[in-house]
Amino acid sequence: MLELPEFMRIFVPAVVIPIAVFGGNWAFRYHSDYAQTAASDFLLAVLIFDGAVVTTAKEFEPFIKNAELRQIALHWHVILAVVVAFVWWLILTYAEPVVAAHYSSRRNKPGRLALVLTLMVCWMAIFVLVSTHIGFFVVQGASHHG
């Protein structure tokens, strides 16, 4: 069992900072009358989590159940951070304008189907990325029975 100081060394960069950035970004969007699409915002928090794992990879090792995966935590999360950053950019560049156009203008706005499909694609991509992150920590190693 991890002691409180060790736990906090992981908990703050992995949980508190991403939630703070996520919440701050939402508050900024709300105050600026930007659409609360949250898809790119959520990925920003995931990207911060990846950064926390990369900068404190050794501290995350006790949370990784599979011994083989424990050895590649740093490299895995660098690759995931690049993928997450790319998907974040795609959503911010292509999906959010569709959502913003839908909510900001009554004239010439994309149809409801375009909005629904855009949001579905965004959140499905996020589901896959988050599932990949969670799976890395919970997958069990193969048992070796002789």
N, C-alpha and C. Protein backbone atom coordinates (compact mmCIF):
# COMPACT_ATOMS: atom_id res chain seq x y z
N MET A 1 0.84 -1.19 0.00
CA MET A 1 0.00 0.00 0.00
C MET A 1 0.87 1.23 0.00
N LEU A 2 0.52 2.20 -0.82
CA LEU A 2 1.28 3.45 -0.88
C LEU A 2 0.96 4.34 0.31
N GLU A 3 1.96 5.00 0.81
CA GLU A 3 1.75 5.95 1.89
C GLU A 3 1.23 7.26 1.31
N LEU A 4 0.65 8.10 2.14
CA LEU A 4 0.01 9.33 1.67
C LEU A 4 0.94 10.23 0.85
N PRO A 5 2.18 10.51 1.29
CA PRO A 5 3.04 11.37 0.45
C PRO A 5 3.30 10.78 -0.93
N GLU A 6 3.52 9.47 -1.00
CA GLU A 6 3.73 8.83 -2.29
C GLU A 6 2.47 8.88 -3.15
N PHE A 7 1.34 8.64 -2.51
CA PHE A 7 0.06 8.69 -3.22
C PHE A 7 -0.18 10.10 -3.77
N MET A 8 0.08 11.13 -2.97
CA MET A 8 -0.15 12.50 -3.41
C MET A 8 0.80 12.89 -4.54
N ARG A 9 2.00 12.33 -4.55
CA ARG A 9 2.95 12.63 -5.61
C ARG A 9 2.42 12.13 -6.96
N ILE A 10 1.61 11.11 -6.94
CA ILE A 10 0.97 10.60 -8.15
C ILE A 10 -0.36 11.30 -8.38
N PHE A 11 -1.14 11.44 -7.32
CA PHE A 11 -2.50 11.94 -7.43
C PHE A 11 -2.57 13.38 -7.95
N VAL A 12 -1.68 14.24 -7.48
CA VAL A 12 -1.74 15.64 -7.88
C VAL A 12 -1.48 15.82 -9.38
N PRO A 13 -0.35 15.31 -9.93
CA PRO A 13 -0.16 15.53 -11.38
C PRO A 13 -1.10 14.70 -12.25
N ALA A 14 -1.56 13.57 -11.74
CA ALA A 14 -2.37 12.68 -12.58
C ALA A 14 -3.86 12.98 -12.51
N VAL A 15 -4.32 13.56 -11.41
CA VAL A 15 -5.75 13.78 -11.24
C VAL A 15 -6.09 15.25 -11.02
N VAL A 16 -5.46 15.87 -10.05
CA VAL A 16 -5.82 17.24 -9.68
C VAL A 16 -5.51 18.22 -10.81
N ILE A 17 -4.31 18.17 -11.36
CA ILE A 17 -3.94 19.12 -12.42
C ILE A 17 -4.81 18.94 -13.66
N PRO A 18 -5.02 17.71 -14.16
CA PRO A 18 -5.92 17.59 -15.32
C PRO A 18 -7.34 18.10 -15.04
N ILE A 19 -7.87 17.82 -13.88
CA ILE A 19 -9.22 18.30 -13.58
C ILE A 19 -9.24 19.82 -13.49
N ALA A 20 -8.20 20.41 -12.91
CA ALA A 20 -8.12 21.87 -12.82
C ALA A 20 -8.05 22.50 -14.20
N VAL A 21 -7.22 21.94 -15.08
CA VAL A 21 -7.12 22.48 -16.45
C VAL A 21 -8.44 22.30 -17.18
N PHE A 22 -9.04 21.13 -17.03
CA PHE A 22 -10.32 20.85 -17.67
C PHE A 22 -11.39 21.83 -17.18
N GLY A 23 -11.48 22.00 -15.87
CA GLY A 23 -12.46 22.93 -15.30
C GLY A 23 -12.19 24.37 -15.68
N GLY A 24 -10.92 24.77 -15.65
CA GLY A 24 -10.57 26.13 -16.05
C GLY A 24 -10.89 26.41 -17.51
N ASN A 25 -10.64 25.44 -18.35
CA ASN A 25 -10.94 25.58 -19.77
C ASN A 25 -12.45 25.71 -19.98
N TRP A 26 -13.22 24.91 -19.26
CA TRP A 26 -14.68 25.01 -19.36
C TRP A 26 -15.16 26.37 -18.88
N ALA A 27 -14.62 26.84 -17.75
CA ALA A 27 -15.03 28.15 -17.22
C ALA A 27 -14.70 29.26 -18.23
N PHE A 28 -13.52 29.19 -18.83
CA PHE A 28 -13.13 30.17 -19.84
C PHE A 28 -14.09 30.14 -21.02
N ARG A 29 -14.41 28.94 -21.49
CA ARG A 29 -15.33 28.81 -22.63
C ARG A 29 -16.71 29.38 -22.27
N TYR A 30 -17.16 29.08 -21.08
CA TYR A 30 -18.48 29.57 -20.65
C TYR A 30 -18.48 31.09 -20.57
N HIS A 31 -17.45 31.65 -19.97
CA HIS A 31 -17.35 33.10 -19.81
C HIS A 31 -17.21 33.80 -21.16
N SER A 32 -16.57 33.16 -22.12
CA SER A 32 -16.35 33.75 -23.45
C SER A 32 -17.46 33.41 -24.44
N ASP A 33 -18.52 32.75 -23.96
CA ASP A 33 -19.64 32.33 -24.81
C ASP A 33 -19.22 31.38 -25.92
N TYR A 34 -18.20 30.56 -25.65
CA TYR A 34 -17.82 29.52 -26.61
C TYR A 34 -18.68 28.30 -26.35
N ALA A 35 -18.87 27.52 -27.37
CA ALA A 35 -19.66 26.29 -27.23
C ALA A 35 -18.96 25.34 -26.26
N GLN A 36 -19.73 24.71 -25.42
CA GLN A 36 -19.19 23.75 -24.46
C GLN A 36 -19.19 22.36 -25.09
N THR A 37 -18.37 22.15 -26.10
CA THR A 37 -18.33 20.86 -26.76
C THR A 37 -17.64 19.82 -25.91
N ALA A 38 -16.65 20.23 -25.18
CA ALA A 38 -15.93 19.41 -24.20
C ALA A 38 -15.07 18.30 -24.79
N ALA A 39 -15.26 17.93 -26.02
CA ALA A 39 -14.46 16.83 -26.57
C ALA A 39 -12.98 17.18 -26.59
N SER A 40 -12.64 18.32 -27.15
CA SER A 40 -11.22 18.70 -27.18
C SER A 40 -10.74 19.04 -25.77
N ASP A 41 -11.63 19.58 -24.95
CA ASP A 41 -11.26 19.90 -23.57
C ASP A 41 -10.92 18.62 -22.80
N PHE A 42 -11.71 17.59 -23.00
CA PHE A 42 -11.46 16.33 -22.32
C PHE A 42 -10.12 15.76 -22.74
N LEU A 43 -9.82 15.84 -24.04
CA LEU A 43 -8.53 15.33 -24.52
C LEU A 43 -7.36 16.14 -23.98
N LEU A 44 -7.58 17.41 -23.72
CA LEU A 44 -6.55 18.23 -23.10
C LEU A 44 -6.19 17.66 -21.73
N ALA A 45 -7.19 17.26 -20.97
CA ALA A 45 -6.93 16.65 -19.66
C ALA A 45 -6.20 15.32 -19.81
N VAL A 46 -6.57 14.53 -20.81
CA VAL A 46 -5.89 13.25 -21.05
C VAL A 46 -4.43 13.50 -21.44
N LEU A 47 -4.21 14.52 -22.24
CA LEU A 47 -2.85 14.88 -22.64
C LEU A 47 -2.01 15.28 -21.42
N ILE A 48 -2.60 15.99 -20.50
CA ILE A 48 -1.90 16.36 -19.27
C ILE A 48 -1.59 15.11 -18.45
N PHE A 49 -2.53 14.17 -18.41
CA PHE A 49 -2.27 12.91 -17.71
C PHE A 49 -1.07 12.20 -18.33
N ASP A 50 -1.03 12.13 -19.66
CA ASP A 50 0.11 11.50 -20.33
C ASP A 50 1.40 12.21 -19.96
N GLY A 51 1.37 13.52 -19.92
CA GLY A 51 2.55 14.27 -19.51
C GLY A 51 2.98 13.92 -18.09
N ALA A 52 2.00 13.75 -17.21
CA ALA A 52 2.32 13.36 -15.83
C ALA A 52 2.96 11.97 -15.79
N VAL A 53 2.45 11.05 -16.57
CA VAL A 53 3.01 9.71 -16.59
C VAL A 53 4.43 9.74 -17.16
N VAL A 54 4.63 10.51 -18.21
CA VAL A 54 5.95 10.60 -18.83
C VAL A 54 6.96 11.20 -17.85
N THR A 55 6.57 12.23 -17.14
CA THR A 55 7.52 12.90 -16.23
C THR A 55 7.72 12.16 -14.92
N THR A 56 6.80 11.27 -14.57
CA THR A 56 6.93 10.53 -13.31
C THR A 56 6.69 9.04 -13.54
N ALA A 57 7.25 8.50 -14.60
CA ALA A 57 6.97 7.12 -15.01
C ALA A 57 7.27 6.11 -13.90
N LYS A 58 8.35 6.27 -13.19
CA LYS A 58 8.70 5.31 -12.12
C LYS A 58 7.64 5.29 -11.02
N GLU A 59 7.08 6.45 -10.71
CA GLU A 59 6.06 6.52 -9.66
C GLU A 59 4.76 5.85 -10.07
N PHE A 60 4.53 5.74 -11.37
CA PHE A 60 3.30 5.10 -11.85
C PHE A 60 3.43 3.58 -11.92
N GLU A 61 4.63 3.05 -11.86
CA GLU A 61 4.82 1.62 -12.00
C GLU A 61 3.99 0.77 -11.03
N PRO A 62 3.84 1.16 -9.75
CA PRO A 62 3.02 0.32 -8.86
C PRO A 62 1.55 0.21 -9.29
N PHE A 63 1.10 1.13 -10.11
CA PHE A 63 -0.30 1.12 -10.54
C PHE A 63 -0.52 0.27 -11.79
N ILE A 64 0.56 -0.16 -12.42
CA ILE A 64 0.47 -0.96 -13.65
C ILE A 64 0.55 -2.44 -13.26
N LYS A 65 -0.50 -3.18 -13.50
CA LYS A 65 -0.59 -4.57 -13.03
C LYS A 65 0.25 -5.54 -13.85
N ASN A 66 0.50 -5.23 -15.11
CA ASN A 66 1.23 -6.13 -15.98
C ASN A 66 2.72 -5.77 -15.96
N ALA A 67 3.56 -6.74 -15.58
CA ALA A 67 5.00 -6.49 -15.45
C ALA A 67 5.64 -6.09 -16.77
N GLU A 68 5.19 -6.70 -17.87
CA GLU A 68 5.75 -6.35 -19.18
C GLU A 68 5.42 -4.91 -19.56
N LEU A 69 4.19 -4.50 -19.28
CA LEU A 69 3.78 -3.13 -19.60
C LEU A 69 4.47 -2.11 -18.71
N ARG A 70 4.78 -2.51 -17.49
CA ARG A 70 5.46 -1.62 -16.55
C ARG A 70 6.79 -1.14 -17.14
N GLN A 71 7.44 -1.99 -17.92
CA GLN A 71 8.74 -1.66 -18.49
C GLN A 71 8.65 -0.63 -19.63
N ILE A 72 7.49 -0.51 -20.25
CA ILE A 72 7.36 0.40 -21.39
C ILE A 72 6.45 1.59 -21.10
N ALA A 73 6.15 1.85 -19.85
CA ALA A 73 5.20 2.92 -19.49
C ALA A 73 5.60 4.26 -20.10
N LEU A 74 6.85 4.63 -19.99
CA LEU A 74 7.31 5.91 -20.52
C LEU A 74 7.08 6.00 -22.03
N HIS A 75 7.55 5.01 -22.76
CA HIS A 75 7.42 5.02 -24.22
C HIS A 75 5.96 4.96 -24.67
N TRP A 76 5.18 4.13 -24.00
CA TRP A 76 3.77 3.98 -24.33
C TRP A 76 3.04 5.31 -24.21
N HIS A 77 3.29 6.03 -23.13
CA HIS A 77 2.58 7.28 -22.90
C HIS A 77 3.11 8.43 -23.75
N VAL A 78 4.35 8.36 -24.19
CA VAL A 78 4.83 9.33 -25.16
C VAL A 78 4.07 9.14 -26.48
N ILE A 79 3.95 7.90 -26.91
CA ILE A 79 3.22 7.60 -28.15
C ILE A 79 1.74 7.99 -28.00
N LEU A 80 1.13 7.64 -26.86
CA LEU A 80 -0.27 8.01 -26.65
C LEU A 80 -0.43 9.53 -26.63
N ALA A 81 0.51 10.24 -26.03
CA ALA A 81 0.43 11.70 -25.99
C ALA A 81 0.44 12.29 -27.40
N VAL A 82 1.25 11.72 -28.28
CA VAL A 82 1.29 12.20 -29.67
C VAL A 82 -0.05 11.91 -30.35
N VAL A 83 -0.59 10.73 -30.15
CA VAL A 83 -1.89 10.38 -30.75
C VAL A 83 -2.99 11.28 -30.19
N VAL A 84 -3.00 11.46 -28.87
CA VAL A 84 -4.02 12.30 -28.24
C VAL A 84 -3.90 13.75 -28.75
N ALA A 85 -2.68 14.26 -28.85
CA ALA A 85 -2.48 15.63 -29.34
C ALA A 85 -3.00 15.77 -30.77
N PHE A 86 -2.77 14.76 -31.60
CA PHE A 86 -3.25 14.80 -32.98
C PHE A 86 -4.78 14.77 -33.03
N VAL A 87 -5.41 13.90 -32.25
CA VAL A 87 -6.87 13.83 -32.24
C VAL A 87 -7.45 15.12 -31.66
N TRP A 88 -6.80 15.68 -30.64
CA TRP A 88 -7.22 16.95 -30.06
C TRP A 88 -7.22 18.03 -31.15
N TRP A 89 -6.14 18.09 -31.93
CA TRP A 89 -6.03 19.07 -32.99
C TRP A 89 -7.12 18.85 -34.05
N LEU A 90 -7.36 17.60 -34.42
CA LEU A 90 -8.41 17.31 -35.40
C LEU A 90 -9.78 17.78 -34.92
N ILE A 91 -10.09 17.48 -33.67
CA ILE A 91 -11.39 17.89 -33.12
C ILE A 91 -11.49 19.40 -33.06
N LEU A 92 -10.44 20.05 -32.58
CA LEU A 92 -10.44 21.51 -32.46
C LEU A 92 -10.54 22.17 -33.84
N THR A 93 -9.87 21.62 -34.83
CA THR A 93 -9.81 22.22 -36.15
C THR A 93 -11.04 21.92 -37.01
N TYR A 94 -11.54 20.70 -36.94
CA TYR A 94 -12.61 20.30 -37.86
C TYR A 94 -13.97 20.09 -37.20
N ALA A 95 -14.01 19.53 -36.01
CA ALA A 95 -15.31 19.21 -35.41
C ALA A 95 -15.91 20.40 -34.68
N GLU A 96 -15.10 21.12 -33.92
CA GLU A 96 -15.66 22.22 -33.15
C GLU A 96 -16.27 23.32 -34.01
N PRO A 97 -15.70 23.63 -35.19
CA PRO A 97 -16.38 24.63 -36.03
C PRO A 97 -17.78 24.19 -36.47
N VAL A 98 -17.98 22.89 -36.69
CA VAL A 98 -19.31 22.39 -37.05
C VAL A 98 -20.27 22.61 -35.89
N VAL A 99 -19.83 22.30 -34.68
CA VAL A 99 -20.67 22.49 -33.51
C VAL A 99 -20.93 23.97 -33.26
N ALA A 100 -19.88 24.79 -33.36
CA ALA A 100 -20.04 26.23 -33.13
C ALA A 100 -20.99 26.85 -34.15
N ALA A 101 -20.86 26.43 -35.42
CA ALA A 101 -21.74 26.96 -36.47
C ALA A 101 -23.19 26.57 -36.20
N HIS A 102 -23.38 25.38 -35.69
CA HIS A 102 -24.75 24.93 -35.41
C HIS A 102 -25.40 25.80 -34.34
N TYR A 103 -24.65 26.13 -33.30
CA TYR A 103 -25.23 26.87 -32.19
C TYR A 103 -25.22 28.39 -32.37
N SER A 104 -24.36 28.91 -33.24
CA SER A 104 -24.22 30.37 -33.32
C SER A 104 -25.10 31.03 -34.38
N SER A 105 -25.55 30.28 -35.36
CA SER A 105 -26.26 30.90 -36.47
C SER A 105 -27.51 30.12 -36.81
N ARG A 106 -28.56 30.84 -37.03
CA ARG A 106 -29.79 30.17 -37.45
C ARG A 106 -29.79 29.95 -38.96
N ARG A 107 -29.01 30.72 -39.65
CA ARG A 107 -28.97 30.67 -41.10
C ARG A 107 -27.69 29.96 -41.53
N ASN A 108 -27.75 29.18 -42.54
CA ASN A 108 -26.59 28.48 -43.09
C ASN A 108 -25.89 27.57 -42.09
N LYS A 109 -26.59 27.08 -41.11
CA LYS A 109 -25.94 26.19 -40.16
C LYS A 109 -26.05 24.75 -40.64
N PRO A 110 -25.07 23.92 -40.25
CA PRO A 110 -25.15 22.52 -40.66
C PRO A 110 -26.39 21.87 -40.06
N GLY A 111 -26.89 20.88 -40.74
CA GLY A 111 -28.07 20.19 -40.26
C GLY A 111 -27.83 19.44 -38.96
N ARG A 112 -28.90 19.04 -38.35
CA ARG A 112 -28.82 18.32 -37.07
C ARG A 112 -28.04 17.01 -37.22
N LEU A 113 -28.21 16.35 -38.35
CA LEU A 113 -27.50 15.09 -38.59
C LEU A 113 -25.98 15.33 -38.59
N ALA A 114 -25.53 16.40 -39.22
CA ALA A 114 -24.10 16.72 -39.24
C ALA A 114 -23.59 16.96 -37.81
N LEU A 115 -24.37 17.65 -37.02
CA LEU A 115 -24.00 17.91 -35.63
C LEU A 115 -23.91 16.61 -34.84
N VAL A 116 -24.93 15.79 -34.94
CA VAL A 116 -24.96 14.52 -34.20
C VAL A 116 -23.82 13.61 -34.63
N LEU A 117 -23.58 13.49 -35.92
CA LEU A 117 -22.48 12.64 -36.41
C LEU A 117 -21.12 13.18 -35.94
N THR A 118 -20.95 14.48 -35.98
CA THR A 118 -19.69 15.08 -35.53
C THR A 118 -19.46 14.78 -34.06
N LEU A 119 -20.47 14.99 -33.24
CA LEU A 119 -20.32 14.72 -31.81
C LEU A 119 -20.08 13.24 -31.54
N MET A 120 -20.76 12.37 -32.28
CA MET A 120 -20.56 10.93 -32.09
C MET A 120 -19.14 10.52 -32.42
N VAL A 121 -18.60 11.02 -33.53
CA VAL A 121 -17.23 10.68 -33.92
C VAL A 121 -16.24 11.19 -32.87
N CYS A 122 -16.45 12.41 -32.41
CA CYS A 122 -15.55 12.97 -31.39
C CYS A 122 -15.55 12.11 -30.13
N TRP A 123 -16.72 11.80 -29.61
CA TRP A 123 -16.79 11.07 -28.34
C TRP A 123 -16.41 9.60 -28.51
N MET A 124 -16.62 9.03 -29.69
CA MET A 124 -16.13 7.65 -29.91
C MET A 124 -14.61 7.62 -29.91
N ALA A 125 -13.98 8.62 -30.52
CA ALA A 125 -12.52 8.69 -30.50
C ALA A 125 -12.01 8.84 -29.08
N ILE A 126 -12.67 9.66 -28.30
CA ILE A 126 -12.28 9.84 -26.91
C ILE A 126 -12.46 8.54 -26.13
N PHE A 127 -13.57 7.85 -26.35
CA PHE A 127 -13.80 6.58 -25.66
C PHE A 127 -12.68 5.59 -25.96
N VAL A 128 -12.27 5.50 -27.22
CA VAL A 128 -11.19 4.58 -27.59
C VAL A 128 -9.88 4.99 -26.90
N LEU A 129 -9.57 6.26 -26.91
CA LEU A 129 -8.32 6.72 -26.29
C LEU A 129 -8.33 6.51 -24.78
N VAL A 130 -9.43 6.84 -24.12
CA VAL A 130 -9.51 6.65 -22.67
C VAL A 130 -9.48 5.16 -22.33
N SER A 131 -10.16 4.34 -23.10
CA SER A 131 -10.14 2.89 -22.87
C SER A 131 -8.73 2.34 -22.99
N THR A 132 -7.98 2.86 -23.96
CA THR A 132 -6.59 2.44 -24.14
C THR A 132 -5.76 2.83 -22.92
N HIS A 133 -5.98 4.02 -22.41
CA HIS A 133 -5.26 4.46 -21.22
C HIS A 133 -5.60 3.58 -20.01
N ILE A 134 -6.87 3.35 -19.79
CA ILE A 134 -7.30 2.56 -18.64
C ILE A 134 -6.79 1.12 -18.78
N GLY A 135 -6.92 0.57 -19.98
CA GLY A 135 -6.48 -0.80 -20.22
C GLY A 135 -5.01 -1.01 -19.89
N PHE A 136 -4.19 -0.01 -20.15
CA PHE A 136 -2.77 -0.11 -19.86
C PHE A 136 -2.52 -0.38 -18.38
N PHE A 137 -3.34 0.21 -17.52
CA PHE A 137 -3.13 0.06 -16.09
C PHE A 137 -3.83 -1.16 -15.50
N VAL A 138 -4.85 -1.67 -16.13
CA VAL A 138 -5.62 -2.74 -15.50
C VAL A 138 -5.41 -4.12 -16.13
N VAL A 139 -4.81 -4.18 -17.31
CA VAL A 139 -4.63 -5.49 -17.94
C VAL A 139 -3.68 -6.34 -17.10
N GLN A 140 -4.04 -7.58 -16.93
CA GLN A 140 -3.23 -8.51 -16.17
C GLN A 140 -2.24 -9.21 -17.10
N GLY A 141 -1.11 -9.56 -16.57
CA GLY A 141 -0.15 -10.31 -17.36
C GLY A 141 -0.62 -11.74 -17.55
N ALA A 142 -0.09 -12.40 -18.54
CA ALA A 142 -0.46 -13.80 -18.78
C ALA A 142 0.06 -14.65 -17.63
N SER A 143 -0.79 -15.52 -17.17
CA SER A 143 -0.34 -16.41 -16.08
C SER A 143 0.43 -17.56 -16.69
N HIS A 144 1.50 -17.92 -16.04
CA HIS A 144 2.35 -19.00 -16.55
C HIS A 144 2.13 -20.24 -15.68
N HIS A 145 1.35 -21.15 -16.23
CA HIS A 145 1.09 -22.41 -15.52
C HIS A 145 2.00 -23.48 -16.14
N GLY A 146 2.63 -24.20 -15.28
CA GLY A 146 3.56 -25.20 -15.78
C GLY A 146 3.01 -26.57 -15.92
